[in-house]
Amino acid sequence: MNGIDRLSAIQSRSTSVVIAEQLTDRIVDGSFRPGEQINEAQVASQLSVSRGPVREALQRLVQEGLLISKPNRGVFVRELTATDVAEIYAAREVIECAAAEIIVARTSEERASTADELEAIVDRMVPLIAAEDWRAVSRIDLAFHTRLVEASGNTRLHRAYLTLATETLICMSNLEQAYPYSNPDGIADGHRGIARLVGTGDMAEIRDALHQHLSSADDYLSSAVDEKLRNGRVIRDVV
């Protein structure tokens, strides 16, 4: 089943935002593969809407970096390179550290509340790791980091982070391995450690933990991208 077939008709008042969300979901789950063209007319027909809001949705995703517009050819799903992966993780680290600084400046009770929320997300991750459901683990992983940023209360940091989180999921979903297998037992522990540091409020340790955590994932995914490119294959294998 291709990406077009997996789009569902919009029953309520159609908007470019709703269409963009559907397209994003289908890009993340691999229904639309990296490098694949998304045809405006086909999307409009599948969703039973006019082409205007579809065009607006596609332009929005181009602006967010999920699609690329090629003159006289159309729009295509972005193919991520090792450089893209490195930039995504570097930007994530900057935003997460900025969010953590805001949280650390709060009272111990407020920090503890945020830490408890983060640990609850880690608890959801544990049975998925045991079941080796790496696609689900990757989504819970991103939910953890997204909640960390959201908890800062800075809406602009959160808005910027959402696009990075989506790009991260695309990286994971379209590689042969959606999640690092080298140390599966350490996945939950690493996230739980970050949550507890948020509770204690030691910003230096939080910064070090986030750097180590995100750099490790960056190295893994960048190496996977490079391996595919060396083998002359596009990043299209879905777990």
C-alpha atoms as a PDB file:
ATOM      1  CA  MET A   1       0.000   0.000   0.000  1.00  0.00           C
ATOM      2  CA  ASN A   2       1.514   3.349  -1.039  1.00  0.00           C
ATOM      3  CA  GLY A   3       1.299   6.746   0.619  1.00  0.00           C
ATOM      4  CA  ILE A   4      -1.694   7.999  -1.368  1.00  0.00           C
ATOM      5  CA  ASP A   5      -3.783   4.937  -0.457  1.00  0.00           C
ATOM      6  CA  ARG A   6      -3.097   5.442   3.253  1.00  0.00           C
ATOM      7  CA  LEU A   7      -4.582   8.944   3.321  1.00  0.00           C
ATOM      8  CA  SER A   8      -8.156   9.026   4.630  1.00  0.00           C
ATOM      9  CA  ALA A   9     -10.999  11.285   3.584  1.00  0.00           C
ATOM     10  CA  ILE A  10     -11.489  14.387   5.705  1.00  0.00           C
ATOM     11  CA  GLN A  11     -15.033  14.368   7.032  1.00  0.00           C
ATOM     12  CA  SER A  12     -15.056  17.722   8.803  1.00  0.00           C
ATOM     13  CA  ARG A  13     -14.199  21.141   7.389  1.00  0.00           C
ATOM     14  CA  SER A  14     -10.963  20.573   5.519  1.00  0.00           C
ATOM     15  CA  THR A  15      -7.965  22.779   6.279  1.00  0.00           C
ATOM     16  CA  SER A  16      -4.367  22.875   5.137  1.00  0.00           C
ATOM     17  CA  VAL A  17      -3.301  22.130   8.737  1.00  0.00           C
ATOM     18  CA  VAL A  18      -5.251  18.868   8.856  1.00  0.00           C
ATOM     19  CA  ILE A  19      -3.890  17.832   5.471  1.00  0.00           C
ATOM     20  CA  ALA A  20      -0.336  18.708   6.514  1.00  0.00           C
ATOM     21  CA  GLU A  21      -0.719  16.581   9.651  1.00  0.00           C
ATOM     22  CA  GLN A  22      -1.909  13.584   7.626  1.00  0.00           C
ATOM     23  CA  LEU A  23       0.929  13.949   5.163  1.00  0.00           C
ATOM     24  CA  THR A  24       3.442  14.271   7.994  1.00  0.00           C
ATOM     25  CA  ASP A  25       2.148  11.068   9.601  1.00  0.00           C
ATOM     26  CA  ARG A  26       2.493   9.196   6.307  1.00  0.00           C
ATOM     27  CA  ILE A  27       6.017  10.534   5.795  1.00  0.00           C
ATOM     28  CA  VAL A  28       7.036   9.503   9.319  1.00  0.00           C
ATOM     29  CA  ASP A  29       5.647   5.965   9.018  1.00  0.00           C
ATOM     30  CA  GLY A  30       7.353   5.451   5.662  1.00  0.00           C
ATOM     31  CA  SER A  31       4.223   5.341   3.491  1.00  0.00           C
ATOM     32  CA  PHE A  32       5.818   8.163   1.524  1.00  0.00           C
ATOM     33  CA  ARG A  33       9.455   7.170   1.075  1.00  0.00           C
ATOM     34  CA  PRO A  34      12.483   9.509   0.978  1.00  0.00           C
ATOM     35  CA  GLY A  35      12.834  10.915  -2.534  1.00  0.00           C
ATOM     36  CA  GLU A  36       9.239  10.078  -3.469  1.00  0.00           C
ATOM     37  CA  GLN A  37       7.134  12.727  -5.192  1.00  0.00           C
ATOM     38  CA  ILE A  38       3.855  13.779  -3.574  1.00  0.00           C
ATOM     39  CA  ASN A  39       1.361  14.617  -6.279  1.00  0.00           C
ATOM     40  CA  GLU A  40      -0.943  17.514  -5.415  1.00  0.00           C
ATOM     41  CA  ALA A  41      -3.790  16.337  -7.636  1.00  0.00           C
ATOM     42  CA  GLN A  42      -3.688  12.777  -6.283  1.00  0.00           C
ATOM     43  CA  VAL A  43      -3.731  13.985  -2.670  1.00  0.00           C
ATOM     44  CA  ALA A  44      -6.689  16.302  -3.387  1.00  0.00           C
ATOM     45  CA  SER A  45      -8.579  13.458  -5.061  1.00  0.00           C
ATOM     46  CA  GLN A  46      -7.878  10.990  -2.239  1.00  0.00           C
ATOM     47  CA  LEU A  47      -8.995  13.472   0.435  1.00  0.00           C
ATOM     48  CA  SER A  48     -11.967  14.760  -1.584  1.00  0.00           C
ATOM     49  CA  VAL A  49     -10.841  18.373  -1.267  1.00  0.00           C
ATOM     50  CA  SER A  50      -9.875  21.110  -3.695  1.00  0.00           C
ATOM     51  CA  ARG A  51      -6.241  21.549  -4.636  1.00  0.00           C
ATOM     52  CA  GLY A  52      -5.937  24.903  -2.835  1.00  0.00           C
ATOM     53  CA  PRO A  53      -5.597  23.609   0.741  1.00  0.00           C
ATOM     54  CA  VAL A  54      -3.426  20.732  -0.486  1.00  0.00           C
ATOM     55  CA  ARG A  55      -1.082  23.235  -2.100  1.00  0.00           C
ATOM     56  CA  GLU A  56      -0.975  25.227   1.145  1.00  0.00           C
ATOM     57  CA  ALA A  57      -0.231  22.050   3.127  1.00  0.00           C
ATOM     58  CA  LEU A  58       2.595  21.085   0.787  1.00  0.00           C
ATOM     59  CA  GLN A  59       4.070  24.586   0.983  1.00  0.00           C
ATOM     60  CA  ARG A  60       3.933  24.407   4.767  1.00  0.00           C
ATOM     61  CA  LEU A  61       5.847  21.112   4.807  1.00  0.00           C
ATOM     62  CA  VAL A  62       8.400  22.577   2.392  1.00  0.00           C
ATOM     63  CA  GLN A  63       8.917  25.456   4.830  1.00  0.00           C
ATOM     64  CA  GLU A  64       9.316  22.981   7.686  1.00  0.00           C
ATOM     65  CA  GLY A  65      11.939  21.089   5.703  1.00  0.00           C
ATOM     66  CA  LEU A  66      10.095  17.777   5.378  1.00  0.00           C
ATOM     67  CA  LEU A  67       9.541  18.257   1.642  1.00  0.00           C
ATOM     68  CA  ILE A  68      11.669  19.769  -1.106  1.00  0.00           C
ATOM     69  CA  SER A  69      10.202  21.785  -3.968  1.00  0.00           C
ATOM     70  CA  LYS A  70      11.891  21.254  -7.324  1.00  0.00           C
ATOM     71  CA  PRO A  71      11.026  23.830 -10.010  1.00  0.00           C
ATOM     72  CA  ASN A  72       8.902  22.431 -12.838  1.00  0.00           C
ATOM     73  CA  ARG A  73       8.922  18.989 -11.196  1.00  0.00           C
ATOM     74  CA  GLY A  74       6.889  19.187  -7.982  1.00  0.00           C
ATOM     75  CA  VAL A  75       7.492  18.406  -4.308  1.00  0.00           C
ATOM     76  CA  PHE A  76       9.424  15.440  -2.965  1.00  0.00           C
ATOM     77  CA  VAL A  77      10.066  13.881   0.431  1.00  0.00           C
ATOM     78  CA  ARG A  78      13.443  15.019   1.694  1.00  0.00           C
ATOM     79  CA  GLU A  79      16.253  12.456   1.622  1.00  0.00           C
ATOM     80  CA  LEU A  80      18.275  12.913   4.790  1.00  0.00           C
ATOM     81  CA  THR A  81      22.069  12.820   4.670  1.00  0.00           C
ATOM     82  CA  ALA A  82      24.566  12.313   7.480  1.00  0.00           C
ATOM     83  CA  THR A  83      24.981  16.103   7.567  1.00  0.00           C
ATOM     84  CA  ASP A  84      21.224  16.521   8.032  1.00  0.00           C
ATOM     85  CA  VAL A  85      21.256  14.048  10.912  1.00  0.00           C
ATOM     86  CA  ALA A  86      24.145  15.876  12.606  1.00  0.00           C
ATOM     87  CA  GLU A  87      22.365  19.218  12.249  1.00  0.00           C
ATOM     88  CA  ILE A  88      19.110  17.805  13.637  1.00  0.00           C
ATOM     89  CA  TYR A  89      20.789  16.428  16.750  1.00  0.00           C
ATOM     90  CA  ALA A  90      22.907  19.544  17.291  1.00  0.00           C
ATOM     91  CA  ALA A  91      19.786  21.712  17.136  1.00  0.00           C
ATOM     92  CA  ARG A  92      17.928  19.348  19.453  1.00  0.00           C
ATOM     93  CA  GLU A  93      20.704  19.616  22.037  1.00  0.00           C
ATOM     94  CA  VAL A  94      20.622  23.416  21.961  1.00  0.00           C
ATOM     95  CA  ILE A  95      16.841  23.539  22.420  1.00  0.00           C
ATOM     96  CA  GLU A  96      16.712  20.835  25.095  1.00  0.00           C
ATOM     97  CA  CYS A  97      19.454  22.522  27.133  1.00  0.00           C
ATOM     98  CA  ALA A  98      17.670  25.873  26.829  1.00  0.00           C
ATOM     99  CA  ALA A  99      14.426  24.264  28.021  1.00  0.00           C
ATOM    100  CA  ALA A 100      16.227  22.537  30.896  1.00  0.00           C
ATOM    101  CA  GLU A 101      17.711  25.839  32.074  1.00  0.00           C
ATOM    102  CA  ILE A 102      14.213  27.294  32.354  1.00  0.00           C
ATOM    103  CA  ILE A 103      13.014  24.279  34.333  1.00  0.00           C
ATOM    104  CA  VAL A 104      16.057  24.242  36.622  1.00  0.00           C
ATOM    105  CA  ALA A 105      15.372  27.871  37.612  1.00  0.00           C
ATOM    106  CA  ARG A 106      12.043  26.813  39.167  1.00  0.00           C
ATOM    107  CA  THR A 107      11.324  25.592  42.689  1.00  0.00           C
ATOM    108  CA  SER A 108      12.337  22.116  43.793  1.00  0.00           C
ATOM    109  CA  GLU A 109       8.665  21.095  43.908  1.00  0.00           C
ATOM    110  CA  GLU A 110       8.127  22.193  40.293  1.00  0.00           C
ATOM    111  CA  ARG A 111      11.285  20.419  39.157  1.00  0.00           C
ATOM    112  CA  ALA A 112      10.190  17.257  40.960  1.00  0.00           C
ATOM    113  CA  SER A 113       6.821  17.376  39.235  1.00  0.00           C
ATOM    114  CA  THR A 114       8.460  17.621  35.805  1.00  0.00           C
ATOM    115  CA  ALA A 115      10.878  14.812  36.689  1.00  0.00           C
ATOM    116  CA  ASP A 116       7.940  12.607  37.702  1.00  0.00           C
ATOM    117  CA  GLU A 117       6.236  13.275  34.357  1.00  0.00           C
ATOM    118  CA  LEU A 118       9.401  12.327  32.490  1.00  0.00           C
ATOM    119  CA  GLU A 119       9.893   9.152  34.532  1.00  0.00           C
ATOM    120  CA  ALA A 120       6.300   8.143  33.787  1.00  0.00           C
ATOM    121  CA  ILE A 121       7.155   8.316  30.084  1.00  0.00           C
ATOM    122  CA  VAL A 122      10.211   6.122  30.702  1.00  0.00           C
ATOM    123  CA  ASP A 123       7.944   3.596  32.447  1.00  0.00           C
ATOM    124  CA  ARG A 124       5.931   3.320  29.213  1.00  0.00           C
ATOM    125  CA  MET A 125       9.152   2.609  27.356  1.00  0.00           C
ATOM    126  CA  VAL A 126      10.274  -0.376  29.466  1.00  0.00           C
ATOM    127  CA  PRO A 127       7.794  -3.042  28.224  1.00  0.00           C
ATOM    128  CA  LEU A 128       8.314  -1.912  24.629  1.00  0.00           C
ATOM    129  CA  ILE A 129      12.066  -2.428  24.973  1.00  0.00           C
ATOM    130  CA  ALA A 130      11.449  -5.900  26.394  1.00  0.00           C
ATOM    131  CA  ALA A 131       9.231  -6.675  23.398  1.00  0.00           C
ATOM    132  CA  GLU A 132      11.871  -5.229  21.025  1.00  0.00           C
ATOM    133  CA  ASP A 133       9.242  -2.987  19.475  1.00  0.00           C
ATOM    134  CA  TRP A 134      11.814  -0.442  18.355  1.00  0.00           C
ATOM    135  CA  ARG A 135       9.449   1.647  16.268  1.00  0.00           C
ATOM    136  CA  ALA A 136       7.247   2.205  19.326  1.00  0.00           C
ATOM    137  CA  VAL A 137      10.309   2.790  21.506  1.00  0.00           C
ATOM    138  CA  SER A 138      11.528   5.509  19.148  1.00  0.00           C
ATOM    139  CA  ARG A 139       8.195   7.328  19.450  1.00  0.00           C
ATOM    140  CA  ILE A 140       8.225   7.140  23.255  1.00  0.00           C
ATOM    141  CA  ASP A 141      11.842   8.329  23.190  1.00  0.00           C
ATOM    142  CA  LEU A 142      10.791  11.424  21.217  1.00  0.00           C
ATOM    143  CA  ALA A 143       7.779  11.895  23.499  1.00  0.00           C
ATOM    144  CA  PHE A 144      10.190  12.084  26.458  1.00  0.00           C
ATOM    145  CA  HIS A 145      12.389  14.748  24.883  1.00  0.00           C
ATOM    146  CA  THR A 146       9.429  16.682  23.497  1.00  0.00           C
ATOM    147  CA  ARG A 147       7.828  16.759  26.954  1.00  0.00           C
ATOM    148  CA  LEU A 148      11.096  18.064  28.425  1.00  0.00           C
ATOM    149  CA  VAL A 149      10.980  21.004  26.010  1.00  0.00           C
ATOM    150  CA  GLU A 150       7.233  21.533  26.417  1.00  0.00           C
ATOM    151  CA  ALA A 151       7.594  21.603  30.215  1.00  0.00           C
ATOM    152  CA  SER A 152       9.722  24.740  29.903  1.00  0.00           C
ATOM    153  CA  GLY A 153       6.579  26.649  28.967  1.00  0.00           C
ATOM    154  CA  ASN A 154       8.396  28.388  26.101  1.00  0.00           C
ATOM    155  CA  THR A 155       6.028  27.938  23.169  1.00  0.00           C
ATOM    156  CA  ARG A 156       8.595  28.965  20.568  1.00  0.00           C
ATOM    157  CA  LEU A 157      11.142  26.446  21.764  1.00  0.00           C
ATOM    158  CA  HIS A 158       8.416  23.806  21.697  1.00  0.00           C
ATOM    159  CA  ARG A 159       7.244  24.784  18.211  1.00  0.00           C
ATOM    160  CA  ALA A 160      10.773  24.652  16.824  1.00  0.00           C
ATOM    161  CA  TYR A 161      11.396  21.322  18.532  1.00  0.00           C
ATOM    162  CA  LEU A 162       8.350  19.630  17.016  1.00  0.00           C
ATOM    163  CA  THR A 163       9.819  19.839  13.519  1.00  0.00           C
ATOM    164  CA  LEU A 164      13.141  18.423  14.758  1.00  0.00           C
ATOM    165  CA  ALA A 165      11.306  15.582  16.503  1.00  0.00           C
ATOM    166  CA  THR A 166       9.463  14.744  13.295  1.00  0.00           C
ATOM    167  CA  GLU A 167      12.711  14.737  11.326  1.00  0.00           C
ATOM    168  CA  THR A 168      14.257  12.447  13.937  1.00  0.00           C
ATOM    169  CA  LEU A 169      11.384   9.978  13.566  1.00  0.00           C
ATOM    170  CA  ILE A 170      11.861  10.027   9.796  1.00  0.00           C
ATOM    171  CA  CYS A 171      15.547   9.168  10.307  1.00  0.00           C
ATOM    172  CA  MET A 172      14.643   6.254  12.549  1.00  0.00           C
ATOM    173  CA  SER A 173      11.721   4.991  10.467  1.00  0.00           C
ATOM    174  CA  ASN A 174      13.575   4.911   7.175  1.00  0.00           C
ATOM    175  CA  LEU A 175      16.744   3.163   8.278  1.00  0.00           C
ATOM    176  CA  GLU A 176      17.111  -0.603   8.481  1.00  0.00           C
ATOM    177  CA  GLN A 177      17.287  -0.296  12.245  1.00  0.00           C
ATOM    178  CA  ALA A 178      14.879   2.159  13.810  1.00  0.00           C
ATOM    179  CA  TYR A 179      16.710   2.178  17.108  1.00  0.00           C
ATOM    180  CA  PRO A 180      20.227   1.463  18.423  1.00  0.00           C
ATOM    181  CA  TYR A 181      20.568  -2.200  19.297  1.00  0.00           C
ATOM    182  CA  SER A 182      24.062  -1.998  20.806  1.00  0.00           C
ATOM    183  CA  ASN A 183      22.869  -1.412  24.368  1.00  0.00           C
ATOM    184  CA  PRO A 184      19.087  -1.908  24.601  1.00  0.00           C
ATOM    185  CA  ASP A 185      19.235  -2.327  28.386  1.00  0.00           C
ATOM    186  CA  GLY A 186      20.671   1.182  28.734  1.00  0.00           C
ATOM    187  CA  ILE A 187      17.930   2.988  26.821  1.00  0.00           C
ATOM    188  CA  ALA A 188      15.515   3.347  29.735  1.00  0.00           C
ATOM    189  CA  ASP A 189      18.325   3.982  32.235  1.00  0.00           C
ATOM    190  CA  GLY A 190      19.701   6.826  30.124  1.00  0.00           C
ATOM    191  CA  HIS A 191      16.346   8.572  29.946  1.00  0.00           C
ATOM    192  CA  ARG A 192      15.593   7.943  33.609  1.00  0.00           C
ATOM    193  CA  GLY A 193      18.944   9.470  34.517  1.00  0.00           C
ATOM    194  CA  ILE A 194      18.082  12.662  32.620  1.00  0.00           C
ATOM    195  CA  ALA A 195      14.689  12.827  34.352  1.00  0.00           C
ATOM    196  CA  ARG A 196      16.278  12.514  37.797  1.00  0.00           C
ATOM    197  CA  LEU A 197      18.867  15.200  37.015  1.00  0.00           C
ATOM    198  CA  VAL A 198      16.007  17.534  36.098  1.00  0.00           C
ATOM    199  CA  GLY A 199      14.636  16.855  39.574  1.00  0.00           C
ATOM    200  CA  THR A 200      17.931  17.631  41.319  1.00  0.00           C
ATOM    201  CA  GLY A 201      18.450  20.771  39.243  1.00  0.00           C
ATOM    202  CA  ASP A 202      22.155  20.396  38.451  1.00  0.00           C
ATOM    203  CA  MET A 203      22.357  22.141  35.084  1.00  0.00           C
ATOM    204  CA  ALA A 204      25.970  21.190  34.410  1.00  0.00           C
ATOM    205  CA  GLU A 205      25.149  17.494  34.821  1.00  0.00           C
ATOM    206  CA  ILE A 206      21.986  17.832  32.747  1.00  0.00           C
ATOM    207  CA  ARG A 207      23.941  19.461  29.951  1.00  0.00           C
ATOM    208  CA  ASP A 208      26.567  16.703  30.023  1.00  0.00           C
ATOM    209  CA  ALA A 209      23.915  13.971  30.099  1.00  0.00           C
ATOM    210  CA  LEU A 210      21.990  15.448  27.166  1.00  0.00           C
ATOM    211  CA  HIS A 211      25.173  15.897  25.151  1.00  0.00           C
ATOM    212  CA  GLN A 212      26.270  12.317  25.722  1.00  0.00           C
ATOM    213  CA  HIS A 213      22.778  10.954  25.045  1.00  0.00           C
ATOM    214  CA  LEU A 214      22.131  12.892  21.832  1.00  0.00           C
ATOM    215  CA  SER A 215      25.690  12.584  20.501  1.00  0.00           C
ATOM    216  CA  SER A 216      25.523   8.805  20.830  1.00  0.00           C
ATOM    217  CA  ALA A 217      22.272   8.667  18.836  1.00  0.00           C
ATOM    218  CA  ASP A 218      23.674  11.101  16.257  1.00  0.00           C
ATOM    219  CA  ASP A 219      26.780   8.962  15.754  1.00  0.00           C
ATOM    220  CA  TYR A 220      24.675   5.820  15.342  1.00  0.00           C
ATOM    221  CA  LEU A 221      22.248   7.276  12.814  1.00  0.00           C
ATOM    222  CA  SER A 222      24.927   9.176  10.886  1.00  0.00           C
ATOM    223  CA  SER A 223      26.939   5.969  10.514  1.00  0.00           C
ATOM    224  CA  ALA A 224      23.832   4.142   9.296  1.00  0.00           C
ATOM    225  CA  VAL A 225      23.188   6.853   6.710  1.00  0.00           C
ATOM    226  CA  ASP A 226      26.802   6.773   5.517  1.00  0.00           C
ATOM    227  CA  GLU A 227      26.700   2.993   5.173  1.00  0.00           C
ATOM    228  CA  LYS A 228      23.637   3.170   2.960  1.00  0.00           C
ATOM    229  CA  LEU A 229      25.163   5.858   0.785  1.00  0.00           C
ATOM    230  CA  ARG A 230      28.393   3.863   0.426  1.00  0.00           C
ATOM    231  CA  ASN A 231      26.321   0.925  -0.734  1.00  0.00           C
ATOM    232  CA  GLY A 232      24.645   3.106  -3.314  1.00  0.00           C
ATOM    233  CA  ARG A 233      21.190   2.823  -1.795  1.00  0.00           C
ATOM    234  CA  VAL A 234      18.688   5.505  -0.898  1.00  0.00           C
ATOM    235  CA  ILE A 235      17.402   5.530   2.670  1.00  0.00           C
ATOM    236  CA  ARG A 236      14.161   3.735   1.965  1.00  0.00           C
ATOM    237  CA  ASP A 237      14.202   0.530   3.979  1.00  0.00           C
ATOM    238  CA  VAL A 238      11.445   0.610   6.549  1.00  0.00           C
ATOM    239  CA  VAL A 239      11.641  -1.434   9.729  1.00  0.00           C
END
